[in-house]
Amino acid sequence: MKEKEQGLLIVLSGPSGVGKGTVCAALRKRDIPFVYSVSATTRPPREGEVDGVNYFFTTKEKFEEMIKRDELLEWAQYVNHYYGTPRRYVEEQLSAGRDVLLEIEVQGALQVKKKFPHGIFIFLMPPSLKELEHRIVSRGTESRDVIQNRMVMAREELEMMKYYDYVVVNDKVELACDRIEAIILAEHCKRERMMKHYITALEEEK
């Protein structure tokens, strides 16, 4: 019986406000066969966000229970809120041969890299720190103190870029999506994956 090819784990992260959610929403409208993993968070939903679609919104107490039960692939505390990825769903999808896209914070991405070193790690970068601050301010959802905290954190997170496989500048959403789609296609065409597939196929023809 032919072994099911393992799906790709694609991890997209970057500073808060860089546009991860916007880019992922645009990617989902394209004809790319991947499963979008929904993260859990304790932060309140922003206008237009839907529970179970954008995030699983939960309480701090319930999230901490998930940590204790080791039910999260990764988790991080960011600006007084928890964020994390349910482990079981991701592992089931990869085993079924489906690509999984994780949109997570930088702290969480580095945790995932330790557990899935063969994942595809993409750092979404703003055109400039000035533009990043403008995007955060434009949301109109955070106080000046929170915005300042996010900018301090963003500078620290930019230093983590060295741990990623690819860097994509989010200057325009459609261009960023084009670059990410090209990365996914290139990863599927890597020699290591193609050799395994075709050697198995040739063996079956003997």
C-alpha atoms as a PDB file:
ATOM      1  CA  MET A   1       0.000   0.000   0.000  1.00  0.00           C
ATOM      2  CA  LYS A   2       1.384   3.402  -1.036  1.00  0.00           C
ATOM      3  CA  GLU A   3       2.444   5.558   1.904  1.00  0.00           C
ATOM      4  CA  LYS A   4       0.598   8.856   2.170  1.00  0.00           C
ATOM      5  CA  GLU A   5       2.926  11.779   1.508  1.00  0.00           C
ATOM      6  CA  GLN A   6       3.251  14.056   4.528  1.00  0.00           C
ATOM      7  CA  GLY A   7       1.842  17.545   4.082  1.00  0.00           C
ATOM      8  CA  LEU A   8       3.937  20.687   4.419  1.00  0.00           C
ATOM      9  CA  LEU A   9       3.758  22.761   7.579  1.00  0.00           C
ATOM     10  CA  ILE A  10       3.937  26.402   6.481  1.00  0.00           C
ATOM     11  CA  VAL A  11       4.502  28.871   9.311  1.00  0.00           C
ATOM     12  CA  LEU A  12       3.851  32.559   8.612  1.00  0.00           C
ATOM     13  CA  SER A  13       4.762  35.063  11.294  1.00  0.00           C
ATOM     14  CA  GLY A  14       6.149  38.517  11.833  1.00  0.00           C
ATOM     15  CA  PRO A  15       5.664  41.609  13.989  1.00  0.00           C
ATOM     16  CA  SER A  16       2.193  42.497  15.237  1.00  0.00           C
ATOM     17  CA  GLY A  17       0.545  44.827  12.739  1.00  0.00           C
ATOM     18  CA  VAL A  18       2.556  43.636   9.745  1.00  0.00           C
ATOM     19  CA  GLY A  19      -0.616  42.280   8.121  1.00  0.00           C
ATOM     20  CA  LYS A  20      -0.444  38.529   8.745  1.00  0.00           C
ATOM     21  CA  GLY A  21      -4.221  38.207   9.008  1.00  0.00           C
ATOM     22  CA  THR A  22      -4.836  40.286   5.892  1.00  0.00           C
ATOM     23  CA  VAL A  23      -2.318  38.293   3.841  1.00  0.00           C
ATOM     24  CA  CYS A  24      -3.714  34.964   5.052  1.00  0.00           C
ATOM     25  CA  ALA A  25      -7.274  36.066   4.243  1.00  0.00           C
ATOM     26  CA  ALA A  26      -6.130  36.917   0.705  1.00  0.00           C
ATOM     27  CA  LEU A  27      -4.296  33.587   0.366  1.00  0.00           C
ATOM     28  CA  ARG A  28      -7.458  31.706   1.345  1.00  0.00           C
ATOM     29  CA  LYS A  29      -9.278  33.259  -1.626  1.00  0.00           C
ATOM     30  CA  ARG A  30      -6.721  31.766  -4.007  1.00  0.00           C
ATOM     31  CA  ASP A  31      -6.805  28.250  -5.385  1.00  0.00           C
ATOM     32  CA  ILE A  32      -4.065  26.943  -3.085  1.00  0.00           C
ATOM     33  CA  PRO A  33      -4.725  23.495  -1.536  1.00  0.00           C
ATOM     34  CA  PHE A  34      -3.828  24.119   2.085  1.00  0.00           C
ATOM     35  CA  VAL A  35      -5.651  23.896   5.400  1.00  0.00           C
ATOM     36  CA  TYR A  36      -5.715  27.070   7.477  1.00  0.00           C
ATOM     37  CA  SER A  37      -5.021  26.340  11.136  1.00  0.00           C
ATOM     38  CA  VAL A  38      -7.051  28.492  13.509  1.00  0.00           C
ATOM     39  CA  SER A  39      -5.205  29.643  16.630  1.00  0.00           C
ATOM     40  CA  ALA A  40      -6.648  30.070  20.104  1.00  0.00           C
ATOM     41  CA  THR A  41      -6.322  33.393  21.938  1.00  0.00           C
ATOM     42  CA  THR A  42      -7.451  35.134  25.085  1.00  0.00           C
ATOM     43  CA  ARG A  43      -7.594  38.586  23.495  1.00  0.00           C
ATOM     44  CA  PRO A  44     -11.052  39.982  22.720  1.00  0.00           C
ATOM     45  CA  PRO A  45     -12.225  39.775  19.099  1.00  0.00           C
ATOM     46  CA  ARG A  46     -11.754  42.814  16.894  1.00  0.00           C
ATOM     47  CA  GLU A  47     -14.599  44.148  14.795  1.00  0.00           C
ATOM     48  CA  GLY A  48     -15.531  41.651  12.079  1.00  0.00           C
ATOM     49  CA  GLU A  49     -13.623  38.717  13.585  1.00  0.00           C
ATOM     50  CA  VAL A  50     -15.567  35.475  13.985  1.00  0.00           C
ATOM     51  CA  ASP A  51     -14.968  32.812  16.643  1.00  0.00           C
ATOM     52  CA  GLY A  52     -13.731  29.587  15.041  1.00  0.00           C
ATOM     53  CA  VAL A  53     -12.813  31.369  11.805  1.00  0.00           C
ATOM     54  CA  ASN A  54     -10.249  34.030  12.725  1.00  0.00           C
ATOM     55  CA  TYR A  55      -9.430  32.619  16.176  1.00  0.00           C
ATOM     56  CA  PHE A  56     -10.844  30.403  18.863  1.00  0.00           C
ATOM     57  CA  PHE A  57     -11.556  33.065  21.472  1.00  0.00           C
ATOM     58  CA  THR A  58     -11.276  31.685  25.000  1.00  0.00           C
ATOM     59  CA  THR A  59     -10.645  32.710  28.602  1.00  0.00           C
ATOM     60  CA  LYS A  60      -7.299  32.890  30.358  1.00  0.00           C
ATOM     61  CA  GLU A  61      -8.335  30.047  32.699  1.00  0.00           C
ATOM     62  CA  LYS A  62      -9.313  27.702  29.855  1.00  0.00           C
ATOM     63  CA  PHE A  63      -6.151  28.520  27.925  1.00  0.00           C
ATOM     64  CA  GLU A  64      -3.961  27.715  30.915  1.00  0.00           C
ATOM     65  CA  GLU A  65      -5.743  24.352  31.234  1.00  0.00           C
ATOM     66  CA  MET A  66      -4.841  23.632  27.597  1.00  0.00           C
ATOM     67  CA  ILE A  67      -1.194  24.387  28.417  1.00  0.00           C
ATOM     68  CA  LYS A  68      -1.232  22.002  31.383  1.00  0.00           C
ATOM     69  CA  ARG A  69      -2.739  19.207  29.262  1.00  0.00           C
ATOM     70  CA  ASP A  70      -0.127  19.741  26.512  1.00  0.00           C
ATOM     71  CA  GLU A  71      -2.877  20.350  23.968  1.00  0.00           C
ATOM     72  CA  LEU A  72      -1.006  23.137  22.177  1.00  0.00           C
ATOM     73  CA  LEU A  73       1.635  22.838  19.483  1.00  0.00           C
ATOM     74  CA  GLU A  74       2.927  26.227  20.601  1.00  0.00           C
ATOM     75  CA  TRP A  75       1.815  29.086  22.755  1.00  0.00           C
ATOM     76  CA  ALA A  76       2.986  32.533  23.699  1.00  0.00           C
ATOM     77  CA  GLN A  77       1.967  35.434  25.883  1.00  0.00           C
ATOM     78  CA  TYR A  78       1.961  38.672  23.931  1.00  0.00           C
ATOM     79  CA  VAL A  79       0.922  42.086  25.308  1.00  0.00           C
ATOM     80  CA  ASN A  80      -0.936  40.435  28.226  1.00  0.00           C
ATOM     81  CA  HIS A  81      -2.814  37.916  26.047  1.00  0.00           C
ATOM     82  CA  TYR A  82      -2.205  34.234  25.281  1.00  0.00           C
ATOM     83  CA  TYR A  83      -1.981  32.863  21.723  1.00  0.00           C
ATOM     84  CA  GLY A  84      -1.582  29.196  20.795  1.00  0.00           C
ATOM     85  CA  THR A  85      -2.094  26.476  18.172  1.00  0.00           C
ATOM     86  CA  PRO A  86      -4.151  23.352  18.945  1.00  0.00           C
ATOM     87  CA  ARG A  87      -1.779  20.416  18.385  1.00  0.00           C
ATOM     88  CA  ARG A  88      -4.067  17.537  17.425  1.00  0.00           C
ATOM     89  CA  TYR A  89      -5.749  19.183  14.424  1.00  0.00           C
ATOM     90  CA  VAL A  90      -2.448  20.191  12.825  1.00  0.00           C
ATOM     91  CA  GLU A  91      -0.873  16.745  13.207  1.00  0.00           C
ATOM     92  CA  GLU A  92      -3.953  15.006  11.768  1.00  0.00           C
ATOM     93  CA  GLN A  93      -3.966  17.224   8.685  1.00  0.00           C
ATOM     94  CA  LEU A  94      -0.251  16.751   7.995  1.00  0.00           C
ATOM     95  CA  SER A  95      -0.578  12.970   8.346  1.00  0.00           C
ATOM     96  CA  ALA A  96      -3.447  13.042   5.846  1.00  0.00           C
ATOM     97  CA  GLY A  97      -1.118  14.673   3.310  1.00  0.00           C
ATOM     98  CA  ARG A  98      -2.590  18.172   3.529  1.00  0.00           C
ATOM     99  CA  ASP A  99      -0.483  21.327   3.731  1.00  0.00           C
ATOM    100  CA  VAL A 100      -1.193  23.367   6.855  1.00  0.00           C
ATOM    101  CA  LEU A 101      -0.705  27.119   7.104  1.00  0.00           C
ATOM    102  CA  LEU A 102      -0.049  28.516  10.580  1.00  0.00           C
ATOM    103  CA  GLU A 103      -0.392  32.264  11.130  1.00  0.00           C
ATOM    104  CA  ILE A 104       1.269  32.833  14.512  1.00  0.00           C
ATOM    105  CA  GLU A 105       3.369  35.217  16.547  1.00  0.00           C
ATOM    106  CA  VAL A 106       7.183  35.059  16.393  1.00  0.00           C
ATOM    107  CA  GLN A 107       7.558  33.507  19.869  1.00  0.00           C
ATOM    108  CA  GLY A 108       5.245  30.674  18.870  1.00  0.00           C
ATOM    109  CA  ALA A 109       6.959  30.134  15.524  1.00  0.00           C
ATOM    110  CA  LEU A 110      10.291  29.483  17.243  1.00  0.00           C
ATOM    111  CA  GLN A 111       8.630  26.869  19.471  1.00  0.00           C
ATOM    112  CA  VAL A 112       7.189  25.135  16.404  1.00  0.00           C
ATOM    113  CA  LYS A 113      10.618  25.157  14.739  1.00  0.00           C
ATOM    114  CA  LYS A 114      12.000  23.040  17.597  1.00  0.00           C
ATOM    115  CA  LYS A 115       9.235  20.449  17.161  1.00  0.00           C
ATOM    116  CA  PHE A 116       8.957  20.625  13.349  1.00  0.00           C
ATOM    117  CA  PRO A 117      12.429  21.618  12.059  1.00  0.00           C
ATOM    118  CA  HIS A 118      11.434  20.596   8.523  1.00  0.00           C
ATOM    119  CA  GLY A 119       8.562  23.083   8.447  1.00  0.00           C
ATOM    120  CA  ILE A 120       8.608  26.050   6.058  1.00  0.00           C
ATOM    121  CA  PHE A 121       9.147  29.230   8.074  1.00  0.00           C
ATOM    122  CA  ILE A 122       8.252  32.534   6.412  1.00  0.00           C
ATOM    123  CA  PHE A 123       8.884  35.912   8.072  1.00  0.00           C
ATOM    124  CA  LEU A 124       6.469  38.626   6.953  1.00  0.00           C
ATOM    125  CA  MET A 125       8.254  41.950   7.132  1.00  0.00           C
ATOM    126  CA  PRO A 126       6.902  45.524   6.954  1.00  0.00           C
ATOM    127  CA  PRO A 127       8.343  47.914   4.352  1.00  0.00           C
ATOM    128  CA  SER A 128       9.573  50.035   7.286  1.00  0.00           C
ATOM    129  CA  LEU A 129       9.031  50.494  11.029  1.00  0.00           C
ATOM    130  CA  LYS A 130       7.314  53.804  10.313  1.00  0.00           C
ATOM    131  CA  GLU A 131       4.803  52.038   8.073  1.00  0.00           C
ATOM    132  CA  LEU A 132       4.324  49.329  10.698  1.00  0.00           C
ATOM    133  CA  GLU A 133       3.444  51.912  13.340  1.00  0.00           C
ATOM    134  CA  HIS A 134       1.059  53.604  10.908  1.00  0.00           C
ATOM    135  CA  ARG A 135      -0.766  50.305  10.329  1.00  0.00           C
ATOM    136  CA  ILE A 136      -1.129  49.649  14.060  1.00  0.00           C
ATOM    137  CA  VAL A 137      -2.394  53.180  14.714  1.00  0.00           C
ATOM    138  CA  SER A 138      -4.840  52.896  11.788  1.00  0.00           C
ATOM    139  CA  ARG A 139      -6.568  49.950  13.463  1.00  0.00           C
ATOM    140  CA  GLY A 140      -7.871  52.292  16.120  1.00  0.00           C
ATOM    141  CA  THR A 141      -8.104  49.412  18.589  1.00  0.00           C
ATOM    142  CA  GLU A 142      -5.116  50.043  20.875  1.00  0.00           C
ATOM    143  CA  SER A 143      -4.105  52.795  23.280  1.00  0.00           C
ATOM    144  CA  ARG A 144      -0.887  54.763  22.800  1.00  0.00           C
ATOM    145  CA  ASP A 145       0.823  52.743  25.556  1.00  0.00           C
ATOM    146  CA  VAL A 146      -0.082  49.453  23.861  1.00  0.00           C
ATOM    147  CA  ILE A 147       1.120  50.767  20.501  1.00  0.00           C
ATOM    148  CA  GLN A 148       4.455  51.772  22.032  1.00  0.00           C
ATOM    149  CA  ASN A 149       4.783  48.294  23.587  1.00  0.00           C
ATOM    150  CA  ARG A 150       4.060  46.692  20.209  1.00  0.00           C
ATOM    151  CA  MET A 151       6.746  48.798  18.520  1.00  0.00           C
ATOM    152  CA  VAL A 152       9.334  47.843  21.153  1.00  0.00           C
ATOM    153  CA  MET A 153       8.391  44.188  20.636  1.00  0.00           C
ATOM    154  CA  ALA A 154       8.516  44.587  16.845  1.00  0.00           C
ATOM    155  CA  ARG A 155      12.128  45.740  16.965  1.00  0.00           C
ATOM    156  CA  GLU A 156      13.016  42.665  19.041  1.00  0.00           C
ATOM    157  CA  GLU A 157      11.101  40.363  16.692  1.00  0.00           C
ATOM    158  CA  LEU A 158      12.928  41.692  13.638  1.00  0.00           C
ATOM    159  CA  GLU A 159      16.104  40.266  15.197  1.00  0.00           C
ATOM    160  CA  MET A 160      14.473  36.800  15.029  1.00  0.00           C
ATOM    161  CA  MET A 161      14.344  36.912  11.237  1.00  0.00           C
ATOM    162  CA  LYS A 162      17.593  34.938  11.119  1.00  0.00           C
ATOM    163  CA  TYR A 163      15.769  31.782  12.252  1.00  0.00           C
ATOM    164  CA  TYR A 164      13.419  31.741   9.235  1.00  0.00           C
ATOM    165  CA  ASP A 165      13.795  30.150   5.816  1.00  0.00           C
ATOM    166  CA  TYR A 166      12.233  32.977   3.815  1.00  0.00           C
ATOM    167  CA  VAL A 167      11.510  36.691   4.203  1.00  0.00           C
ATOM    168  CA  VAL A 168       8.544  38.288   2.419  1.00  0.00           C
ATOM    169  CA  VAL A 169       8.048  42.063   2.478  1.00  0.00           C
ATOM    170  CA  ASN A 170       4.367  42.980   2.817  1.00  0.00           C
ATOM    171  CA  ASP A 171       4.430  46.145   0.725  1.00  0.00           C
ATOM    172  CA  LYS A 172       1.297  45.176  -1.192  1.00  0.00           C
ATOM    173  CA  VAL A 173      -0.936  42.294  -0.124  1.00  0.00           C
ATOM    174  CA  GLU A 174      -1.269  40.713  -3.582  1.00  0.00           C
ATOM    175  CA  LEU A 175       2.484  40.816  -4.166  1.00  0.00           C
ATOM    176  CA  ALA A 176       3.120  39.268  -0.753  1.00  0.00           C
ATOM    177  CA  CYS A 177       0.650  36.489  -1.626  1.00  0.00           C
ATOM    178  CA  ASP A 178       2.398  35.901  -4.966  1.00  0.00           C
ATOM    179  CA  ARG A 179       5.713  35.455  -3.158  1.00  0.00           C
ATOM    180  CA  ILE A 180       4.288  33.068  -0.562  1.00  0.00           C
ATOM    181  CA  GLU A 181       2.534  31.004  -3.232  1.00  0.00           C
ATOM    182  CA  ALA A 182       5.827  30.752  -5.159  1.00  0.00           C
ATOM    183  CA  ILE A 183       7.615  29.558  -1.989  1.00  0.00           C
ATOM    184  CA  ILE A 184       5.019  26.798  -1.414  1.00  0.00           C
ATOM    185  CA  LEU A 185       5.284  25.647  -5.041  1.00  0.00           C
ATOM    186  CA  ALA A 186       9.090  25.617  -4.875  1.00  0.00           C
ATOM    187  CA  GLU A 187       9.042  23.585  -1.652  1.00  0.00           C
ATOM    188  CA  HIS A 188       6.817  20.946  -3.274  1.00  0.00           C
ATOM    189  CA  CYS A 189       9.319  20.717  -6.144  1.00  0.00           C
ATOM    190  CA  LYS A 190      12.324  20.161  -3.901  1.00  0.00           C
ATOM    191  CA  ARG A 191      14.502  17.237  -4.899  1.00  0.00           C
ATOM    192  CA  GLU A 192      14.071  15.443  -1.573  1.00  0.00           C
ATOM    193  CA  ARG A 193      10.282  15.308  -1.910  1.00  0.00           C
ATOM    194  CA  MET A 194      10.219  14.535  -5.638  1.00  0.00           C
ATOM    195  CA  MET A 195      12.814  11.762  -5.419  1.00  0.00           C
ATOM    196  CA  LYS A 196      10.881   9.924  -2.728  1.00  0.00           C
ATOM    197  CA  HIS A 197       7.672  10.146  -4.748  1.00  0.00           C
ATOM    198  CA  TYR A 198       9.122   8.965  -8.064  1.00  0.00           C
ATOM    199  CA  ILE A 199      11.379   6.263  -6.649  1.00  0.00           C
ATOM    200  CA  THR A 200       8.289   4.745  -5.018  1.00  0.00           C
ATOM    201  CA  ALA A 201       6.382   5.031  -8.304  1.00  0.00           C
ATOM    202  CA  LEU A 202       9.191   3.314 -10.247  1.00  0.00           C
ATOM    203  CA  GLU A 203       9.396   0.506  -7.697  1.00  0.00           C
ATOM    204  CA  GLU A 204       5.682  -0.122  -8.082  1.00  0.00           C
ATOM    205  CA  GLU A 205       6.097  -0.521 -11.876  1.00  0.00           C
ATOM    206  CA  LYS A 206       8.653  -3.364 -11.546  1.00  0.00           C
END
